[in-house]
Protein backbone atom coordinates (compact mmCIF):
# COMPACT_ATOMS: atom_id res chain seq x y z
CA MET A 1 5.23 34.48 229.18
CA ASP A 2 2.68 34.55 226.36
CA THR A 3 -0.61 35.56 228.03
CA GLU A 4 -2.70 33.54 225.57
CA THR A 5 -0.81 30.22 225.45
CA PHE A 6 1.10 30.59 228.76
CA GLU A 7 4.28 29.56 226.93
CA GLN A 8 7.51 30.75 228.57
CA ILE A 9 9.73 32.71 226.16
CA PRO A 10 13.33 33.32 227.29
CA ILE A 11 14.51 36.82 226.31
CA GLU A 12 18.00 38.27 226.73
CA THR A 13 18.17 41.40 228.89
CA LYS A 14 20.05 43.31 226.17
CA LEU A 15 16.93 43.11 223.96
CA ILE A 16 14.84 44.98 226.54
CA ASN A 17 15.01 48.76 226.36
CA ARG A 18 15.20 50.12 229.93
CA ALA A 19 15.08 46.65 231.53
CA ASP A 20 15.78 48.30 234.89
CA LEU A 21 12.22 49.73 234.83
CA MET A 22 10.48 46.41 234.17
CA LYS A 23 8.84 44.65 237.10
CA GLU A 24 7.60 41.08 237.33
CA GLY A 25 4.19 40.44 235.79
CA GLN A 26 4.27 43.59 233.67
CA LEU A 27 2.75 43.43 230.18
CA VAL A 28 5.20 44.31 227.38
CA ASP A 29 5.21 44.17 223.58
CA VAL A 30 7.59 41.57 222.16
CA LEU A 31 8.77 42.06 218.58
CA VAL A 32 9.26 38.68 216.90
CA HIS A 33 10.72 37.87 213.46
CA ALA A 34 7.83 36.21 211.58
CA GLU A 35 9.85 33.66 209.60
CA ASN A 36 12.20 32.17 212.18
CA GLU A 37 10.32 33.28 215.34
CA THR A 38 13.32 34.90 217.02
CA VAL A 39 12.80 37.79 219.43
CA LEU A 40 14.00 41.10 217.97
CA GLY A 41 13.20 43.35 220.90
CA VAL A 42 10.92 44.17 223.80
CA GLU A 43 9.06 47.44 224.29
CA LEU A 44 7.79 48.55 227.67
CA PRO A 45 4.65 50.70 227.88
CA PRO A 46 5.38 54.45 227.59
CA PHE A 47 4.85 54.94 231.35
CA VAL A 48 5.16 52.60 234.34
CA GLU A 49 4.09 53.10 237.94
CA LEU A 50 6.80 52.31 240.48
CA MET A 51 7.15 52.65 244.26
CA ILE A 52 10.07 54.68 245.62
CA THR A 53 11.95 52.46 248.04
CA TYR A 54 14.63 54.98 249.06
CA THR A 55 15.29 58.69 248.70
CA GLU A 56 16.83 61.36 250.88
CA PRO A 57 14.40 63.80 252.51
CA GLY A 58 13.92 67.09 250.66
CA ILE A 59 15.48 70.24 252.03
CA LYS A 60 12.80 72.53 253.45
CA GLY A 61 12.54 75.87 251.67
CA ASP A 62 14.42 74.75 248.53
CA THR A 63 11.44 74.86 246.19
CA ALA A 64 12.27 77.92 244.07
CA THR A 65 14.47 75.93 241.71
CA ASN A 66 13.78 72.84 239.65
CA ALA A 67 16.26 70.87 241.72
CA LEU A 68 16.21 67.08 241.52
CA LYS A 69 17.42 64.33 243.83
CA PRO A 70 18.07 60.61 243.18
CA ALA A 71 15.45 58.07 244.20
CA THR A 72 15.65 54.28 244.04
CA VAL A 73 12.49 52.55 242.84
CA GLU A 74 11.24 49.01 243.51
CA THR A 75 13.04 47.58 240.45
CA GLY A 76 16.41 48.91 241.65
CA ALA A 77 16.63 51.69 239.06
CA THR A 78 17.65 55.19 240.11
CA ILE A 79 15.39 58.00 238.91
CA MET A 80 15.89 61.74 239.39
CA VAL A 81 12.80 63.16 241.14
CA PRO A 82 11.79 66.63 242.44
CA LEU A 83 12.71 67.49 246.02
CA PHE A 84 9.12 67.20 247.30
CA VAL A 85 8.86 63.48 246.39
CA GLU A 86 9.23 61.23 249.43
CA GLN A 87 9.95 57.55 250.11
CA ASP A 88 7.06 55.02 249.81
CA ILE A 89 5.28 57.13 247.16
CA MET A 90 4.10 55.72 243.80
CA ILE A 91 5.42 57.66 240.82
CA LYS A 92 4.91 57.45 237.08
CA VAL A 93 8.15 57.02 235.11
CA ASP A 94 8.62 57.66 231.38
CA THR A 95 10.25 54.46 230.04
CA ARG A 96 11.55 56.17 226.90
CA ASP A 97 14.10 58.22 228.81
CA GLY A 98 13.76 57.02 232.42
CA SER A 99 12.53 60.37 233.72
CA TYR A 100 10.04 61.22 236.47
CA SER A 101 6.61 62.14 235.11
CA GLU A 102 4.28 62.60 238.09
CA ARG A 103 3.07 61.23 241.42
CA VAL A 104 0.35 58.56 241.23
CA LYS A 105 -2.73 59.43 243.26
């Protein structure tokens, strides 16, 4: 939706880079061809904050390595996170490569 005119703009999912990290109501940049007003692509912000909805508990004492475990976030995407990250924690995710960046405080 255009935030100035409130016009709804349908956009194909294939035009959105890392669509699995986009949540409803999120502001994105839409690239539009000036002459014929067709959507060329959609860019998410460099980082998004997402809630972890499911992840296995970390193994106690396994902190010497940079081991990662899968975590499902609120959009349904799976992100690899460090072992100390738990369920129901907000994390910052890099949308360029879909990697864990940090916990949100």
